[in-house]
Structure formats: C-alpha cells, structure tokens
Amino acid sequence: EAKAQRSEIWPILKRITSYGGVFENGRKNFYAPYFTSAVPAEVDPYVDGMILGQGVRLRSGPSVDFRIAGVVSFEVVKILDDNAPEATIKGETYPWVKIQLANGTEGFVFGKFVGRPIDFRAGFEKQGDGVWRMVFLLAGD
C-alpha cells in the first residue's frame, strides 16, 4: 500500500483533474483536463498550447525576477521552448515555458499555466453500479 501511495500516477492525475473536465454521453463519461476536449480545430497539438488561467504573467525571462511583459488569460499560444529552467513557486515545481502570443509577443510563463493538447489526459466512465472507473490514461497522439 505504501508503494502504491508513492506511485508516479498520483501527481499526474492530480494535475489532470485540477483543470476540470467535460461530461459527455448523458454524463456517463468524463474527460479531463477540459482543454483537451475543447481544442480549436486550427490548433497544432505539436506546436501550440493553451494558457490555463486568468491574468497569467508573461515575463521577459525564465524567472519571477524578470519584468512582466504582459498578462495572458485562457488563450492559444505557440510554444517556442519548454525546456527552460525549472522553478518552485508556492511549493509547485514546473519548468518555465517560452511562448509566443498571436500578436507576436514572446515571453516566459510558469509551466503550471501552460497545457498542451497532447499532454496526459484521462477518461472516466460511470459503471452500472454507479462507480466511476478510469478507462484510459494517455499522453501523446
């Protein structure tokens, strides 16, 4: 049981479900995170990402020490580099992600606030006994 509690799956499921999801098929299926089900057709899942928050700070460099170059909210962005240094902010560790906005502005966003259509996603199905079961967990295409 202790080994199961240390499994790498729990942080993945926590991140996936923290963004909410969508119900389908008469509320018998639930897919998370929400943005993987709501991706506009023009989004390239290998290049584009989505800002997952309101008022997310766009910084001129990969650290909170850099100036704020703008603020973004729930929009599609081009991911230029997601291998920038990691940082821990408020107990959460993510890499900084270099992005480009639709207007061409470039900057860095804390990785917690960037999602990709090909990130981990999960599907859950309500069984006949009323219990929800995970029916898939995948990443990539």
N, C-alpha and C. Protein backbone atom coordinates (compact mmCIF):
# COMPACT_ATOMS: atom_id res chain seq x y z
N GLU A 1 0.82 -1.20 0.00
CA GLU A 1 0.00 0.00 0.00
C GLU A 1 0.86 1.26 0.00
N ALA A 2 1.96 1.27 0.76
CA ALA A 2 2.84 2.43 0.79
C ALA A 2 3.46 2.67 -0.58
N LYS A 3 3.80 1.60 -1.28
CA LYS A 3 4.36 1.73 -2.63
C LYS A 3 3.34 2.35 -3.58
N ALA A 4 2.09 1.94 -3.47
CA ALA A 4 1.03 2.50 -4.31
C ALA A 4 0.85 3.99 -4.06
N GLN A 5 0.99 4.41 -2.82
CA GLN A 5 0.85 5.83 -2.48
C GLN A 5 1.98 6.66 -3.06
N ARG A 6 3.13 6.06 -3.31
CA ARG A 6 4.28 6.78 -3.87
C ARG A 6 4.31 6.71 -5.39
N SER A 7 3.35 6.08 -5.98
CA SER A 7 3.31 5.91 -7.42
C SER A 7 3.33 7.25 -8.15
N GLU A 8 3.98 7.28 -9.28
CA GLU A 8 4.06 8.49 -10.10
C GLU A 8 2.72 8.88 -10.71
N ILE A 9 1.75 8.01 -10.66
CA ILE A 9 0.45 8.31 -11.27
C ILE A 9 -0.32 9.39 -10.50
N TRP A 10 -0.15 9.47 -9.19
CA TRP A 10 -0.96 10.40 -8.40
C TRP A 10 -0.71 11.86 -8.76
N PRO A 11 0.53 12.31 -8.89
CA PRO A 11 0.72 13.72 -9.31
C PRO A 11 0.16 13.98 -10.71
N ILE A 12 0.26 12.98 -11.59
CA ILE A 12 -0.29 13.14 -12.95
C ILE A 12 -1.80 13.30 -12.88
N LEU A 13 -2.46 12.43 -12.14
CA LEU A 13 -3.92 12.51 -12.02
C LEU A 13 -4.35 13.79 -11.30
N LYS A 14 -3.58 14.22 -10.34
CA LYS A 14 -3.90 15.48 -9.64
C LYS A 14 -3.87 16.65 -10.62
N ARG A 15 -2.83 16.70 -11.45
CA ARG A 15 -2.72 17.80 -12.42
C ARG A 15 -3.87 17.72 -13.43
N ILE A 16 -4.11 16.54 -13.96
CA ILE A 16 -5.17 16.36 -14.95
C ILE A 16 -6.52 16.83 -14.40
N THR A 17 -6.87 16.36 -13.22
CA THR A 17 -8.20 16.67 -12.68
C THR A 17 -8.29 18.07 -12.10
N SER A 18 -7.16 18.69 -11.77
CA SER A 18 -7.21 20.05 -11.20
C SER A 18 -7.74 21.07 -12.20
N TYR A 19 -7.69 20.75 -13.49
CA TYR A 19 -8.18 21.67 -14.51
C TYR A 19 -9.64 21.39 -14.88
N GLY A 20 -10.27 20.45 -14.22
CA GLY A 20 -11.65 20.14 -14.55
C GLY A 20 -11.75 19.35 -15.83
N GLY A 21 -12.97 19.08 -16.24
CA GLY A 21 -13.17 18.28 -17.43
C GLY A 21 -14.54 18.52 -18.02
N VAL A 22 -14.92 17.63 -18.91
CA VAL A 22 -16.23 17.74 -19.57
C VAL A 22 -16.96 16.41 -19.47
N PHE A 23 -18.26 16.50 -19.27
CA PHE A 23 -19.11 15.32 -19.28
C PHE A 23 -19.67 15.13 -20.68
N GLU A 24 -19.82 13.89 -21.07
CA GLU A 24 -20.42 13.54 -22.36
C GLU A 24 -21.28 12.30 -22.19
N ASN A 25 -22.04 11.98 -23.23
CA ASN A 25 -22.85 10.75 -23.26
C ASN A 25 -23.82 10.69 -22.08
N GLY A 26 -24.58 11.78 -21.91
CA GLY A 26 -25.56 11.79 -20.82
C GLY A 26 -24.92 11.74 -19.45
N ARG A 27 -23.75 12.34 -19.31
CA ARG A 27 -22.99 12.39 -18.05
C ARG A 27 -22.48 11.01 -17.60
N LYS A 28 -22.34 10.09 -18.57
CA LYS A 28 -21.79 8.77 -18.24
C LYS A 28 -20.28 8.72 -18.46
N ASN A 29 -19.75 9.70 -19.20
CA ASN A 29 -18.32 9.76 -19.45
C ASN A 29 -17.80 11.12 -19.01
N PHE A 30 -16.59 11.13 -18.48
CA PHE A 30 -15.94 12.37 -18.04
C PHE A 30 -14.53 12.36 -18.58
N TYR A 31 -14.14 13.45 -19.25
CA TYR A 31 -12.81 13.55 -19.84
C TYR A 31 -12.08 14.75 -19.25
N ALA A 32 -10.85 14.53 -18.83
CA ALA A 32 -10.06 15.59 -18.20
C ALA A 32 -8.65 15.57 -18.76
N PRO A 33 -7.98 16.72 -18.79
CA PRO A 33 -8.47 18.03 -18.43
C PRO A 33 -9.38 18.62 -19.51
N TYR A 34 -10.13 19.63 -19.15
CA TYR A 34 -11.14 20.20 -20.04
C TYR A 34 -10.57 20.64 -21.38
N PHE A 35 -9.35 21.22 -21.36
CA PHE A 35 -8.83 21.85 -22.58
C PHE A 35 -8.49 20.84 -23.67
N THR A 36 -8.31 19.58 -23.34
CA THR A 36 -8.03 18.59 -24.39
C THR A 36 -9.29 18.25 -25.17
N SER A 37 -10.46 18.54 -24.61
CA SER A 37 -11.72 18.31 -25.31
C SER A 37 -12.23 19.56 -26.01
N ALA A 38 -11.62 20.71 -25.71
CA ALA A 38 -12.11 21.98 -26.24
C ALA A 38 -11.07 22.67 -27.12
N VAL A 39 -10.24 21.88 -27.77
CA VAL A 39 -9.17 22.45 -28.59
C VAL A 39 -9.74 22.92 -29.93
N PRO A 40 -9.53 24.19 -30.28
CA PRO A 40 -9.99 24.67 -31.59
C PRO A 40 -9.33 23.89 -32.72
N ALA A 41 -10.04 23.72 -33.82
CA ALA A 41 -9.56 22.91 -34.95
C ALA A 41 -8.23 23.41 -35.51
N GLU A 42 -7.98 24.72 -35.44
CA GLU A 42 -6.76 25.27 -36.03
C GLU A 42 -5.52 25.08 -35.15
N VAL A 43 -5.67 24.53 -33.98
CA VAL A 43 -4.55 24.33 -33.07
C VAL A 43 -3.71 23.14 -33.53
N ASP A 44 -2.39 23.36 -33.63
CA ASP A 44 -1.46 22.28 -33.93
C ASP A 44 -1.01 21.68 -32.60
N PRO A 45 -1.41 20.46 -32.27
CA PRO A 45 -1.11 19.91 -30.95
C PRO A 45 0.38 19.73 -30.67
N TYR A 46 1.21 19.78 -31.70
CA TYR A 46 2.66 19.62 -31.51
C TYR A 46 3.38 20.95 -31.34
N VAL A 47 2.71 22.04 -31.64
CA VAL A 47 3.34 23.37 -31.60
C VAL A 47 2.62 24.29 -30.62
N ASP A 48 1.31 24.19 -30.56
CA ASP A 48 0.51 25.12 -29.78
C ASP A 48 0.21 24.59 -28.39
N GLY A 49 -0.08 25.52 -27.52
CA GLY A 49 -0.51 25.21 -26.17
C GLY A 49 -1.59 26.18 -25.78
N MET A 50 -2.08 26.02 -24.58
CA MET A 50 -3.15 26.88 -24.09
C MET A 50 -2.76 27.43 -22.73
N ILE A 51 -3.04 28.70 -22.51
CA ILE A 51 -2.83 29.30 -21.20
C ILE A 51 -3.99 28.88 -20.32
N LEU A 52 -3.67 28.32 -19.17
CA LEU A 52 -4.67 27.74 -18.27
C LEU A 52 -4.86 28.62 -17.04
N GLY A 53 -5.33 29.79 -17.26
CA GLY A 53 -5.58 30.68 -16.13
C GLY A 53 -5.88 32.08 -16.61
N GLN A 54 -6.35 32.87 -15.68
CA GLN A 54 -6.66 34.26 -15.96
C GLN A 54 -5.61 35.14 -15.31
N GLY A 55 -5.14 36.14 -16.05
CA GLY A 55 -4.16 37.07 -15.50
C GLY A 55 -2.79 36.45 -15.29
N VAL A 56 -2.42 35.49 -16.13
CA VAL A 56 -1.12 34.82 -16.02
C VAL A 56 -0.04 35.78 -16.51
N ARG A 57 0.99 35.92 -15.71
CA ARG A 57 2.07 36.86 -16.04
C ARG A 57 3.00 36.29 -17.12
N LEU A 58 3.20 37.08 -18.14
CA LEU A 58 4.16 36.79 -19.20
C LEU A 58 5.42 37.56 -18.83
N ARG A 59 6.52 36.87 -18.64
CA ARG A 59 7.76 37.52 -18.19
C ARG A 59 8.78 37.59 -19.31
N SER A 60 9.69 38.53 -19.20
CA SER A 60 10.71 38.72 -20.23
C SER A 60 11.82 37.67 -20.16
N GLY A 61 11.88 36.91 -19.09
CA GLY A 61 12.86 35.84 -18.93
C GLY A 61 12.30 34.76 -18.03
N PRO A 62 13.02 33.63 -17.91
CA PRO A 62 12.51 32.47 -17.17
C PRO A 62 12.71 32.53 -15.66
N SER A 63 12.11 33.53 -15.02
CA SER A 63 12.20 33.66 -13.57
C SER A 63 11.25 34.77 -13.13
N VAL A 64 10.82 34.71 -11.88
CA VAL A 64 9.98 35.78 -11.35
C VAL A 64 10.78 37.08 -11.19
N ASP A 65 12.10 36.99 -11.32
CA ASP A 65 12.94 38.18 -11.22
C ASP A 65 12.91 39.03 -12.48
N PHE A 66 12.41 38.48 -13.58
CA PHE A 66 12.33 39.24 -14.83
C PHE A 66 11.07 40.10 -14.84
N ARG A 67 11.11 41.16 -15.62
CA ARG A 67 9.97 42.09 -15.67
C ARG A 67 8.75 41.42 -16.30
N ILE A 68 7.60 41.90 -15.93
CA ILE A 68 6.34 41.41 -16.51
C ILE A 68 6.17 42.09 -17.86
N ALA A 69 6.10 41.27 -18.91
CA ALA A 69 5.99 41.78 -20.28
C ALA A 69 4.54 41.82 -20.75
N GLY A 70 3.64 41.29 -19.96
CA GLY A 70 2.23 41.27 -20.31
C GLY A 70 1.47 40.31 -19.42
N VAL A 71 0.18 40.25 -19.66
CA VAL A 71 -0.69 39.35 -18.91
C VAL A 71 -1.56 38.62 -19.93
N VAL A 72 -1.69 37.30 -19.76
CA VAL A 72 -2.48 36.49 -20.69
C VAL A 72 -3.52 35.68 -19.93
N SER A 73 -4.62 35.39 -20.61
CA SER A 73 -5.71 34.64 -20.00
C SER A 73 -6.33 33.69 -21.00
N PHE A 74 -6.35 32.42 -20.69
CA PHE A 74 -7.09 31.40 -21.45
C PHE A 74 -7.00 31.61 -22.96
N GLU A 75 -5.82 31.57 -23.51
CA GLU A 75 -5.70 31.71 -24.96
C GLU A 75 -4.72 30.72 -25.54
N VAL A 76 -4.84 30.50 -26.83
CA VAL A 76 -3.94 29.61 -27.54
C VAL A 76 -2.64 30.36 -27.81
N VAL A 77 -1.50 29.69 -27.56
CA VAL A 77 -0.19 30.28 -27.77
C VAL A 77 0.70 29.28 -28.50
N LYS A 78 1.74 29.80 -29.12
CA LYS A 78 2.73 28.93 -29.74
C LYS A 78 3.82 28.66 -28.69
N ILE A 79 4.16 27.40 -28.51
CA ILE A 79 5.23 27.04 -27.57
C ILE A 79 6.55 27.04 -28.32
N LEU A 80 7.45 27.91 -27.89
CA LEU A 80 8.75 28.03 -28.54
C LEU A 80 9.80 27.16 -27.87
N ASP A 81 9.70 27.01 -26.55
CA ASP A 81 10.68 26.21 -25.81
C ASP A 81 10.07 25.84 -24.46
N ASP A 82 10.02 24.55 -24.18
CA ASP A 82 9.51 24.14 -22.87
C ASP A 82 10.60 23.42 -22.07
N ASN A 83 11.85 23.74 -22.38
CA ASN A 83 12.98 23.17 -21.65
C ASN A 83 13.76 24.22 -20.88
N ALA A 84 13.11 25.33 -20.56
CA ALA A 84 13.76 26.37 -19.77
C ALA A 84 13.92 25.86 -18.33
N PRO A 85 14.67 26.55 -17.52
CA PRO A 85 14.90 26.08 -16.14
C PRO A 85 13.61 25.89 -15.37
N GLU A 86 13.64 24.93 -14.44
CA GLU A 86 12.51 24.72 -13.55
C GLU A 86 12.59 25.70 -12.39
N ALA A 87 11.43 25.95 -11.80
CA ALA A 87 11.37 26.80 -10.62
C ALA A 87 10.31 26.23 -9.69
N THR A 88 10.44 26.51 -8.42
CA THR A 88 9.43 26.13 -7.46
C THR A 88 8.78 27.40 -6.95
N ILE A 89 7.49 27.52 -7.18
CA ILE A 89 6.73 28.68 -6.75
C ILE A 89 5.55 28.18 -5.94
N LYS A 90 5.43 28.67 -4.73
CA LYS A 90 4.35 28.26 -3.82
C LYS A 90 4.29 26.74 -3.70
N GLY A 91 5.45 26.10 -3.63
CA GLY A 91 5.53 24.65 -3.42
C GLY A 91 5.31 23.80 -4.65
N GLU A 92 5.15 24.41 -5.82
CA GLU A 92 4.93 23.66 -7.05
C GLU A 92 6.10 23.88 -8.00
N THR A 93 6.63 22.79 -8.54
CA THR A 93 7.79 22.86 -9.42
C THR A 93 7.40 22.56 -10.86
N TYR A 94 7.71 23.50 -11.74
CA TYR A 94 7.44 23.38 -13.17
C TYR A 94 8.55 24.09 -13.92
N PRO A 95 8.75 23.73 -15.18
CA PRO A 95 9.70 24.49 -15.99
C PRO A 95 9.05 25.79 -16.46
N TRP A 96 9.87 26.75 -16.81
CA TRP A 96 9.39 27.94 -17.49
C TRP A 96 9.20 27.58 -18.95
N VAL A 97 8.19 28.13 -19.58
CA VAL A 97 7.88 27.82 -20.96
C VAL A 97 7.94 29.10 -21.77
N LYS A 98 8.74 29.09 -22.83
CA LYS A 98 8.81 30.26 -23.71
C LYS A 98 7.67 30.14 -24.72
N ILE A 99 6.86 31.20 -24.80
CA ILE A 99 5.69 31.18 -25.68
C ILE A 99 5.67 32.40 -26.59
N GLN A 100 4.82 32.32 -27.60
CA GLN A 100 4.57 33.45 -28.47
C GLN A 100 3.06 33.64 -28.57
N LEU A 101 2.63 34.87 -28.32
CA LEU A 101 1.21 35.19 -28.43
C LEU A 101 0.83 35.39 -29.89
N ALA A 102 -0.46 35.42 -30.17
CA ALA A 102 -0.95 35.60 -31.54
C ALA A 102 -0.44 36.91 -32.15
N ASN A 103 -0.20 37.92 -31.32
CA ASN A 103 0.29 39.20 -31.85
C ASN A 103 1.81 39.24 -32.03
N GLY A 104 2.48 38.10 -31.79
CA GLY A 104 3.93 38.02 -31.99
C GLY A 104 4.76 38.26 -30.74
N THR A 105 4.16 38.75 -29.67
CA THR A 105 4.89 38.99 -28.42
C THR A 105 5.39 37.67 -27.86
N GLU A 106 6.66 37.66 -27.45
CA GLU A 106 7.26 36.46 -26.86
C GLU A 106 7.59 36.70 -25.40
N GLY A 107 7.57 35.64 -24.63
CA GLY A 107 7.92 35.73 -23.23
C GLY A 107 7.85 34.37 -22.58
N PHE A 108 8.00 34.36 -21.27
CA PHE A 108 8.03 33.13 -20.50
C PHE A 108 6.87 33.08 -19.50
N VAL A 109 6.29 31.88 -19.37
CA VAL A 109 5.18 31.64 -18.46
C VAL A 109 5.56 30.44 -17.59
N PHE A 110 5.20 30.50 -16.32
CA PHE A 110 5.42 29.38 -15.42
C PHE A 110 4.62 28.19 -15.94
N GLY A 111 5.27 27.03 -16.07
CA GLY A 111 4.69 25.86 -16.72
C GLY A 111 3.37 25.37 -16.16
N LYS A 112 3.06 25.70 -14.93
CA LYS A 112 1.78 25.31 -14.34
C LYS A 112 0.62 25.84 -15.16
N PHE A 113 0.85 26.95 -15.84
CA PHE A 113 -0.23 27.64 -16.54
C PHE A 113 -0.24 27.37 -18.04
N VAL A 114 0.49 26.34 -18.49
CA VAL A 114 0.51 26.00 -19.91
C VAL A 114 0.11 24.54 -20.08
N GLY A 115 -0.87 24.32 -20.93
CA GLY A 115 -1.31 22.96 -21.24
C GLY A 115 -1.18 22.71 -22.72
N ARG A 116 -0.97 21.46 -23.08
CA ARG A 116 -0.88 21.07 -24.49
C ARG A 116 -1.92 20.01 -24.77
N PRO A 117 -2.48 20.05 -25.98
CA PRO A 117 -3.49 19.04 -26.32
C PRO A 117 -2.97 17.60 -26.23
N ILE A 118 -1.66 17.42 -26.30
CA ILE A 118 -1.09 16.06 -26.24
C ILE A 118 -0.51 15.73 -24.87
N ASP A 119 -0.80 16.58 -23.87
CA ASP A 119 -0.39 16.25 -22.50
C ASP A 119 -1.18 15.03 -22.01
N PHE A 120 -0.84 14.58 -20.81
CA PHE A 120 -1.62 13.49 -20.21
C PHE A 120 -3.08 13.88 -20.16
N ARG A 121 -3.95 12.91 -20.45
CA ARG A 121 -5.39 13.11 -20.35
C ARG A 121 -6.01 11.77 -19.94
N ALA A 122 -7.19 11.87 -19.35
CA ALA A 122 -7.83 10.67 -18.82
C ALA A 122 -9.32 10.67 -19.15
N GLY A 123 -9.85 9.47 -19.26
CA GLY A 123 -11.27 9.29 -19.46
C GLY A 123 -11.83 8.40 -18.36
N PHE A 124 -12.98 8.79 -17.87
CA PHE A 124 -13.64 8.04 -16.80
C PHE A 124 -15.05 7.68 -17.27
N GLU A 125 -15.53 6.52 -16.82
CA GLU A 125 -16.85 6.06 -17.23
C GLU A 125 -17.62 5.61 -15.99
N LYS A 126 -18.87 6.06 -15.92
CA LYS A 126 -19.72 5.65 -14.81
C LYS A 126 -20.27 4.26 -15.12
N GLN A 127 -19.96 3.33 -14.26
CA GLN A 127 -20.36 1.94 -14.44
C GLN A 127 -21.80 1.73 -13.97
N GLY A 128 -22.36 0.59 -14.31
CA GLY A 128 -23.73 0.26 -13.93
C GLY A 128 -23.97 0.28 -12.44
N ASP A 129 -22.92 0.04 -11.65
CA ASP A 129 -23.07 0.05 -10.20
C ASP A 129 -22.92 1.45 -9.61
N GLY A 130 -22.79 2.47 -10.51
CA GLY A 130 -22.67 3.86 -10.06
C GLY A 130 -21.26 4.29 -9.72
N VAL A 131 -20.32 3.39 -9.84
CA VAL A 131 -18.92 3.69 -9.52
C VAL A 131 -18.21 4.20 -10.78
N TRP A 132 -17.41 5.26 -10.61
CA TRP A 132 -16.62 5.78 -11.72
C TRP A 132 -15.32 5.01 -11.82
N ARG A 133 -14.95 4.63 -13.06
CA ARG A 133 -13.69 3.92 -13.30
C ARG A 133 -12.93 4.63 -14.41
N MET A 134 -11.63 4.70 -14.23
CA MET A 134 -10.80 5.28 -15.28
C MET A 134 -10.69 4.25 -16.40
N VAL A 135 -10.99 4.68 -17.64
CA VAL A 135 -10.94 3.76 -18.76
C VAL A 135 -9.75 4.03 -19.68
N PHE A 136 -9.13 5.21 -19.55
CA PHE A 136 -7.87 5.44 -20.24
C PHE A 136 -7.08 6.55 -19.58
N LEU A 137 -5.78 6.45 -19.72
CA LEU A 137 -4.84 7.48 -19.30
C LEU A 137 -3.75 7.46 -20.36
N LEU A 138 -3.61 8.56 -21.08
CA LEU A 138 -2.61 8.56 -22.13
C LEU A 138 -2.00 9.93 -22.33
N ALA A 139 -0.88 9.95 -23.02
CA ALA A 139 -0.20 11.18 -23.41
C ALA A 139 0.31 10.97 -24.82
N GLY A 140 0.45 12.06 -25.53
CA GLY A 140 0.89 11.98 -26.92
C GLY A 140 -0.29 11.93 -27.84
N ASP A 141 -0.05 11.50 -29.05
CA ASP A 141 -1.15 11.45 -30.02
C ASP A 141 -1.61 10.06 -30.09
